[in-house]
Amino acid sequence: MRRKIFTPLFILALFISSCGKKNETITRSFYYWKSGFSLGTDGNRLLNELGVKKLYVKFFDVDIYEEDAYPRSTLHVLDTIPAGIEIVPVVFLTNATLKGTSDYALKDLAVKIVRKIKGIQNCFTSITPIKEIQFDCDWSEETKDNYFSLLNKIQGEFTEPIMVTATIRLHQVKYFHATGVPPVKRGTLMFYNMGDIDDMNGESSIFNVKDASRYLVNFDQYPLPLDIALPVFSWAIVYREGKILGIINDFGDDLTNNGALTMVKENLYKVDKTIRYHDMTLINGDHVKVERSGTEEALSAAGLIKPYLAKDSITVTLFDFDYKNLSKYETQSIEKIFTRF
């Protein structure tokens, strides 16, 4: 046999190619978190330009009402679904829903949830058969057993094959031996909201490298295949006497440039006179912290988390689809987030 001779340049090329290896299949998607489903002409165009094939749409919340758990904040369907787009219903469950709940109540809740999902599904005129349903819950050690039991009961309510997935927080990976692993096919790692939102003088609670890095452990041991969700959104946190009063999601420059607020430092403002803004009254002495995660932050997050994810097929989801916000960025800069994987 002829011996193969590997030159240093050839070895270097192999090394570079392995370091820059792309995932085999990338599915591009967005979370849609508004109360009314309406993409509009511009929204449809943006999805098409980005090659997005999937939307994770919040169908409703589940919370306690008069001591019982009920679906609430139901999605209103105001538009058709673009051709070629898969809709994944998302159900948000509060932790309170799961505390001290009996097995009978969990069974009843599973029936209500599945019935509600199918009811909203029927409101869409052009929806393709649902293949996946996702549940979003920041469960704890106290509620994990009830949550996992509920997920199993929900899967048992479907006669047709369906994939149940769940959102996963960073702390649920780092401490998975304590918090447990949900009985689902895949998880979507929410690589945002990892900072201390209560600290108005701290770094961004949406995404910052320091806080994110503290959680980058145990990914090699975590038994659930993970997809990834990255932040492209902003919010303004209102503090009164050092405590959170509320969060303003849909805000513009008129919040801080109206003469009623003065800048204390970058992204932190003090309210000098009472104003009304988006159903919230801000009074003298309140503070407003503006946190933004744009395409640059999302790209930084993508680079940080990529080495910890599997190199096979993966769904990359951006939170969230808000054309008004996304239109601030060049389509190419959003494209770079997806192509980072």
Protein backbone atom coordinates (compact mmCIF):
# COMPACT_ATOMS: atom_id res chain seq x y z
CA MET A 1 0.00 0.00 0.00
CA ARG A 2 1.12 3.54 -0.70
CA ARG A 3 1.65 5.61 2.39
CA LYS A 4 -0.31 8.87 2.62
CA ILE A 5 1.72 11.92 3.47
CA PHE A 6 -0.11 14.74 5.29
CA THR A 7 1.46 18.15 4.88
CA PRO A 8 1.20 20.77 7.64
CA LEU A 9 -1.11 22.85 5.42
CA PHE A 10 -3.44 19.88 4.92
CA ILE A 11 -3.58 19.23 8.67
CA LEU A 12 -4.27 22.92 9.31
CA ALA A 13 -7.11 22.86 6.80
CA LEU A 14 -8.67 19.87 8.55
CA PHE A 15 -8.41 21.64 11.89
CA ILE A 16 -10.01 24.83 10.62
CA SER A 17 -12.86 22.98 8.92
CA SER A 18 -13.66 21.02 12.09
CA CYS A 19 -13.66 24.15 14.25
CA GLY A 20 -16.03 25.98 11.94
CA LYS A 21 -18.38 23.08 11.36
CA LYS A 22 -21.98 24.08 10.79
CA ASN A 23 -25.03 22.27 12.07
CA GLU A 24 -26.36 19.75 9.55
CA THR A 25 -29.88 21.19 9.40
CA ILE A 26 -31.07 24.56 10.70
CA THR A 27 -34.76 25.32 11.02
CA ARG A 28 -35.40 29.05 11.33
CA SER A 29 -38.27 30.22 13.50
CA PHE A 30 -39.69 32.99 15.66
CA TYR A 31 -41.80 33.13 18.78
CA TYR A 32 -45.06 35.01 18.26
CA TRP A 33 -46.20 36.35 21.63
CA LYS A 34 -48.89 38.91 20.81
CA SER A 35 -52.55 38.54 21.80
CA GLY A 36 -53.74 38.83 18.20
CA PHE A 37 -52.28 36.80 15.33
CA SER A 38 -51.71 39.17 12.41
CA LEU A 39 -48.49 39.19 10.42
CA GLY A 40 -49.41 41.77 7.81
CA THR A 41 -47.85 42.24 4.39
CA ASP A 42 -44.52 43.48 5.74
CA GLY A 43 -44.33 40.67 8.28
CA ASN A 44 -45.00 38.04 5.64
CA ARG A 45 -42.34 39.55 3.42
CA LEU A 46 -39.74 39.51 6.22
CA LEU A 47 -40.46 35.87 7.05
CA ASN A 48 -40.06 34.98 3.39
CA GLU A 49 -36.79 36.91 3.05
CA LEU A 50 -35.35 35.17 6.11
CA GLY A 51 -36.48 31.71 5.04
CA VAL A 52 -38.46 31.16 8.23
CA LYS A 53 -40.42 27.91 8.15
CA LYS A 54 -41.85 27.74 11.66
CA LEU A 55 -43.63 30.02 14.14
CA TYR A 56 -44.03 29.19 17.83
CA VAL A 57 -47.32 30.95 18.58
CA LYS A 58 -48.54 31.45 22.14
CA PHE A 59 -52.13 30.16 22.11
CA PHE A 60 -52.96 30.97 25.74
CA ASP A 61 -51.79 31.09 29.36
CA VAL A 62 -52.82 28.75 32.15
CA ASP A 63 -53.17 30.37 35.55
CA ILE A 64 -55.15 30.14 38.77
CA TYR A 65 -58.55 31.84 38.75
CA GLU A 66 -60.83 31.53 41.79
CA GLU A 67 -58.72 28.62 43.09
CA ASP A 68 -58.93 26.64 39.85
CA ALA A 69 -56.54 26.47 36.88
CA TYR A 70 -57.97 27.74 33.62
CA PRO A 71 -56.71 28.70 30.15
CA ARG A 72 -56.62 32.51 29.93
CA SER A 73 -55.37 35.29 27.63
CA THR A 74 -56.48 33.37 24.56
CA LEU A 75 -55.01 34.18 21.14
CA HIS A 76 -57.29 36.02 18.71
CA VAL A 77 -56.79 34.85 15.14
CA LEU A 78 -56.89 37.89 12.84
CA ASP A 79 -54.91 36.69 9.83
CA THR A 80 -54.15 33.66 7.68
CA ILE A 81 -50.95 31.65 7.88
CA PRO A 82 -48.47 32.09 5.02
CA ALA A 83 -47.97 29.05 2.82
CA GLY A 84 -45.11 26.85 3.97
CA ILE A 85 -45.14 28.06 7.59
CA GLU A 86 -45.60 25.49 10.35
CA ILE A 87 -47.48 26.72 13.41
CA VAL A 88 -46.47 25.31 16.80
CA PRO A 89 -48.96 26.12 19.58
CA VAL A 90 -47.27 27.29 22.79
CA VAL A 91 -48.99 27.15 26.17
CA PHE A 92 -47.58 29.20 29.05
CA LEU A 93 -48.16 27.75 32.53
CA THR A 94 -47.54 29.63 35.75
CA ASN A 95 -45.85 27.84 38.63
CA ALA A 96 -48.88 28.61 40.81
CA THR A 97 -50.97 26.42 38.50
CA LEU A 98 -49.00 23.37 39.57
CA LYS A 99 -48.63 23.87 43.31
CA GLY A 100 -50.63 21.46 45.44
CA THR A 101 -52.66 20.20 42.48
CA SER A 102 -54.27 16.77 42.81
CA ASP A 103 -53.90 14.05 40.20
CA TYR A 104 -57.59 14.38 39.35
CA ALA A 105 -57.21 18.14 38.84
CA LEU A 106 -54.18 17.58 36.60
CA LYS A 107 -56.16 15.15 34.47
CA ASP A 108 -59.01 17.65 34.18
CA LEU A 109 -56.56 20.41 33.29
CA ALA A 110 -54.95 18.26 30.58
CA VAL A 111 -58.38 17.78 28.97
CA LYS A 112 -59.07 21.54 29.11
CA ILE A 113 -55.70 22.40 27.58
CA VAL A 114 -56.00 19.99 24.66
CA ARG A 115 -59.58 21.06 23.98
CA LYS A 116 -58.52 24.72 23.98
CA ILE A 117 -55.60 24.08 21.65
CA LYS A 118 -57.84 22.33 19.15
CA GLY A 119 -60.42 25.10 19.41
CA ILE A 120 -57.89 27.81 18.54
CA GLN A 121 -56.42 25.62 15.82
CA ASN A 122 -59.84 25.51 14.15
CA CYS A 123 -59.93 29.33 14.06
CA PHE A 124 -57.11 29.33 11.50
CA THR A 125 -58.39 28.92 7.96
CA SER A 126 -55.15 27.68 6.45
CA ILE A 127 -53.31 25.83 9.21
CA THR A 128 -51.50 22.61 8.38
CA PRO A 129 -51.90 19.64 10.74
CA ILE A 130 -50.17 20.35 14.04
CA LYS A 131 -47.02 18.27 14.50
CA GLU A 132 -45.67 19.82 17.69
CA ILE A 133 -46.96 21.50 20.84
CA GLN A 134 -44.68 23.35 23.23
CA PHE A 135 -45.15 24.12 26.92
CA ASP A 136 -43.48 27.07 28.60
CA CYS A 137 -43.13 26.82 32.37
CA ASP A 138 -40.42 27.89 34.80
CA TRP A 139 -41.05 24.89 37.03
CA SER A 140 -39.24 24.34 40.31
CA GLU A 141 -38.23 21.39 42.49
CA GLU A 142 -41.55 21.82 44.29
CA THR A 143 -43.67 21.67 41.14
CA LYS A 144 -41.66 19.36 38.88
CA ASP A 145 -43.62 16.19 39.68
CA ASN A 146 -46.97 17.81 38.91
CA TYR A 147 -45.61 19.48 35.78
CA PHE A 148 -44.13 16.28 34.41
CA SER A 149 -47.32 14.39 35.25
CA LEU A 150 -49.38 17.02 33.43
CA LEU A 151 -47.17 16.73 30.34
CA ASN A 152 -47.68 12.96 30.28
CA LYS A 153 -51.44 13.34 30.67
CA ILE A 154 -51.59 15.89 27.85
CA GLN A 155 -49.73 13.55 25.51
CA GLY A 156 -52.23 10.85 26.40
CA GLU A 157 -55.12 13.06 25.26
CA PHE A 158 -53.97 13.02 21.64
CA THR A 159 -54.99 10.12 19.43
CA GLU A 160 -52.82 11.33 16.56
CA PRO A 161 -48.98 11.35 16.73
CA ILE A 162 -47.72 14.66 18.09
CA MET A 163 -44.39 15.85 19.46
CA VAL A 164 -44.52 17.59 22.81
CA THR A 165 -41.61 19.92 23.58
CA ALA A 166 -40.82 22.26 26.47
CA THR A 167 -38.89 25.44 27.10
CA ILE A 168 -35.80 25.01 29.27
CA ARG A 169 -34.23 27.71 31.44
CA LEU A 170 -30.50 27.86 32.03
CA HIS A 171 -30.81 26.99 35.72
CA GLN A 172 -32.80 23.89 34.75
CA VAL A 173 -29.78 22.62 32.83
CA LYS A 174 -27.18 23.58 35.43
CA TYR A 175 -29.15 21.98 38.27
CA PHE A 176 -31.00 19.31 36.31
CA HIS A 177 -30.25 16.62 38.89
CA ALA A 178 -32.47 18.62 41.27
CA THR A 179 -35.02 20.20 38.93
CA GLY A 180 -35.46 17.11 36.77
CA VAL A 181 -35.87 16.68 33.02
CA PRO A 182 -39.35 16.97 31.49
CA PRO A 183 -40.77 13.88 29.71
CA VAL A 184 -40.75 15.43 26.24
CA LYS A 185 -38.97 14.82 22.93
CA ARG A 186 -36.95 18.04 22.77
CA GLY A 187 -36.34 21.22 24.71
CA THR A 188 -35.86 24.81 23.62
CA LEU A 189 -33.16 26.52 25.68
CA MET A 190 -34.17 30.10 26.45
CA PHE A 191 -30.80 31.82 26.27
CA TYR A 192 -32.04 35.08 27.75
CA ASN A 193 -33.63 36.54 30.90
CA MET A 194 -30.71 35.26 32.93
CA GLY A 195 -29.81 38.43 34.85
CA ASP A 196 -31.21 39.93 38.05
CA ILE A 197 -34.23 41.94 36.93
CA ASP A 198 -34.72 43.25 40.49
CA ASP A 199 -31.39 45.10 40.39
CA MET A 200 -32.01 48.38 38.60
CA ASN A 201 -28.31 49.22 38.74
CA GLY A 202 -27.14 45.88 37.41
CA GLU A 203 -26.39 44.70 33.91
CA SER A 204 -29.11 43.87 31.42
CA SER A 205 -31.35 41.10 32.73
CA ILE A 206 -32.21 40.09 29.16
CA PHE A 207 -28.69 39.08 28.17
CA ASN A 208 -25.20 39.72 29.44
CA VAL A 209 -22.12 37.57 29.03
CA LYS A 210 -21.19 37.54 32.73
CA ASP A 211 -24.47 36.03 33.93
CA ALA A 212 -24.80 33.72 30.93
CA SER A 213 -21.34 32.25 31.47
CA ARG A 214 -22.20 31.19 35.03
CA TYR A 215 -24.73 28.71 33.65
CA LEU A 216 -22.68 27.08 30.90
CA VAL A 217 -22.22 23.76 32.68
CA ASN A 218 -23.69 20.25 32.45
CA PHE A 219 -24.65 20.56 28.79
CA ASP A 220 -22.59 17.44 28.04
CA GLN A 221 -24.67 15.53 30.61
CA TYR A 222 -28.12 16.97 29.89
CA PRO A 223 -30.18 14.10 28.41
CA LEU A 224 -32.67 16.14 26.37
CA PRO A 225 -31.87 17.31 22.80
CA LEU A 226 -31.86 21.11 22.84
CA ASP A 227 -32.89 23.73 20.34
CA ILE A 228 -32.09 27.38 21.03
CA ALA A 229 -34.03 30.62 21.50
CA LEU A 230 -32.26 33.98 21.34
CA PRO A 231 -33.47 37.49 22.31
CA VAL A 232 -34.30 40.25 19.84
CA PHE A 233 -36.56 42.39 21.99
CA SER A 234 -36.59 45.33 24.38
CA TRP A 235 -38.46 46.34 27.49
CA ALA A 236 -38.54 49.14 30.04
CA ILE A 237 -38.64 48.13 33.71
CA VAL A 238 -40.30 50.59 36.08
CA TYR A 239 -39.07 50.68 39.69
CA ARG A 240 -40.74 52.39 42.63
CA GLU A 241 -38.81 52.66 45.88
CA GLY A 242 -36.33 50.15 44.51
CA LYS A 243 -38.92 47.49 43.68
CA ILE A 244 -40.37 46.51 40.31
CA LEU A 245 -43.67 48.24 39.61
CA GLY A 246 -44.15 46.85 36.11
CA ILE A 247 -42.71 46.27 32.66
CA ILE A 248 -43.47 48.26 29.51
CA ASN A 249 -42.96 46.10 26.43
CA ASP A 250 -44.11 48.31 23.58
CA PHE A 251 -42.35 51.64 24.01
CA GLY A 252 -40.66 54.24 21.85
CA ASP A 253 -38.25 57.12 22.27
CA ASP A 254 -41.15 59.19 23.60
CA LEU A 255 -40.84 57.33 26.90
CA THR A 256 -37.47 58.86 27.77
CA ASN A 257 -37.49 61.97 25.55
CA ASN A 258 -40.64 63.64 26.86
CA GLY A 259 -39.13 66.04 29.39
CA ALA A 260 -40.45 64.08 32.37
CA LEU A 261 -37.43 61.79 32.75
CA THR A 262 -33.75 62.57 33.20
CA MET A 263 -30.88 60.16 32.57
CA VAL A 264 -29.10 58.95 35.70
CA LYS A 265 -26.67 56.82 33.72
CA GLU A 266 -26.75 54.82 30.50
CA ASN A 267 -30.16 53.10 30.17
CA LEU A 268 -31.36 54.26 33.62
CA TYR A 269 -33.73 57.22 34.01
CA LYS A 270 -35.36 59.03 36.93
CA VAL A 271 -38.95 60.26 36.72
CA ASP A 272 -39.15 63.95 37.67
CA LYS A 273 -42.86 64.55 37.16
CA THR A 274 -45.93 62.36 36.94
CA ILE A 275 -46.85 61.07 33.49
CA ARG A 276 -49.17 58.45 32.07
CA TYR A 277 -47.56 56.02 29.62
CA HIS A 278 -49.26 52.95 28.14
CA ASP A 279 -51.74 52.42 30.99
CA MET A 280 -49.03 52.93 33.60
CA THR A 281 -48.67 55.98 35.82
CA LEU A 282 -45.08 57.01 36.53
CA ILE A 283 -44.61 59.36 39.48
CA ASN A 284 -41.80 61.56 40.74
CA GLY A 285 -39.02 59.39 42.15
CA ASP A 286 -39.71 56.32 40.03
CA HIS A 287 -36.88 54.89 37.93
CA VAL A 288 -37.04 53.41 34.45
CA LYS A 289 -34.41 50.99 33.21
CA VAL A 290 -34.36 50.44 29.46
CA GLU A 291 -32.99 47.07 28.35
CA ARG A 292 -32.44 46.25 24.70
CA SER A 293 -31.26 43.07 23.05
CA GLY A 294 -30.82 43.72 19.36
CA THR A 295 -29.15 41.75 16.61
CA GLU A 296 -25.64 42.42 17.96
CA GLU A 297 -26.53 41.03 21.38
CA ALA A 298 -28.31 38.03 19.84
CA LEU A 299 -25.28 37.34 17.66
CA SER A 300 -23.03 37.50 20.72
CA ALA A 301 -25.36 35.11 22.54
CA ALA A 302 -25.31 32.73 19.57
CA GLY A 303 -21.52 32.64 19.55
CA LEU A 304 -21.42 32.00 23.29
CA ILE A 305 -23.89 29.11 23.35
CA LYS A 306 -23.08 27.39 20.05
CA PRO A 307 -20.18 25.22 21.37
CA TYR A 308 -22.51 23.74 23.99
CA LEU A 309 -25.18 22.57 21.56
CA ALA A 310 -25.30 19.42 19.45
CA LYS A 311 -23.92 19.69 15.92
CA ASP A 312 -26.80 17.88 14.24
CA SER A 313 -30.22 19.32 13.37
CA ILE A 314 -31.37 22.28 15.43
CA THR A 315 -34.16 24.85 15.47
CA VAL A 316 -33.03 28.43 16.03
CA THR A 317 -35.85 30.64 17.31
CA LEU A 318 -35.77 34.40 17.85
CA PHE A 319 -37.94 36.00 20.52
CA ASP A 320 -40.04 37.55 19.38
CA PHE A 321 -41.72 38.37 16.07
CA ASP A 322 -42.60 42.06 16.29
CA TYR A 323 -42.25 43.71 12.89
CA LYS A 324 -42.15 47.20 14.41
CA ASN A 325 -39.09 46.20 16.42
CA LEU A 326 -37.45 44.02 13.76
CA SER A 327 -37.79 46.73 11.11
CA LYS A 328 -35.16 48.73 13.03
CA TYR A 329 -32.55 46.24 11.83
CA GLU A 330 -31.24 45.33 8.41
CA THR A 331 -32.58 41.97 7.26
CA GLN A 332 -28.98 40.89 6.71
CA SER A 333 -28.14 41.48 10.38
CA ILE A 334 -31.01 39.18 11.42
CA GLU A 335 -29.85 36.65 8.83
CA LYS A 336 -26.41 36.55 10.47
CA ILE A 337 -27.94 35.25 13.71
CA PHE A 338 -29.37 32.20 11.94
CA THR A 339 -26.21 31.55 9.90
CA ARG A 340 -24.09 31.63 13.07
CA PHE A 341 -25.09 27.99 13.64
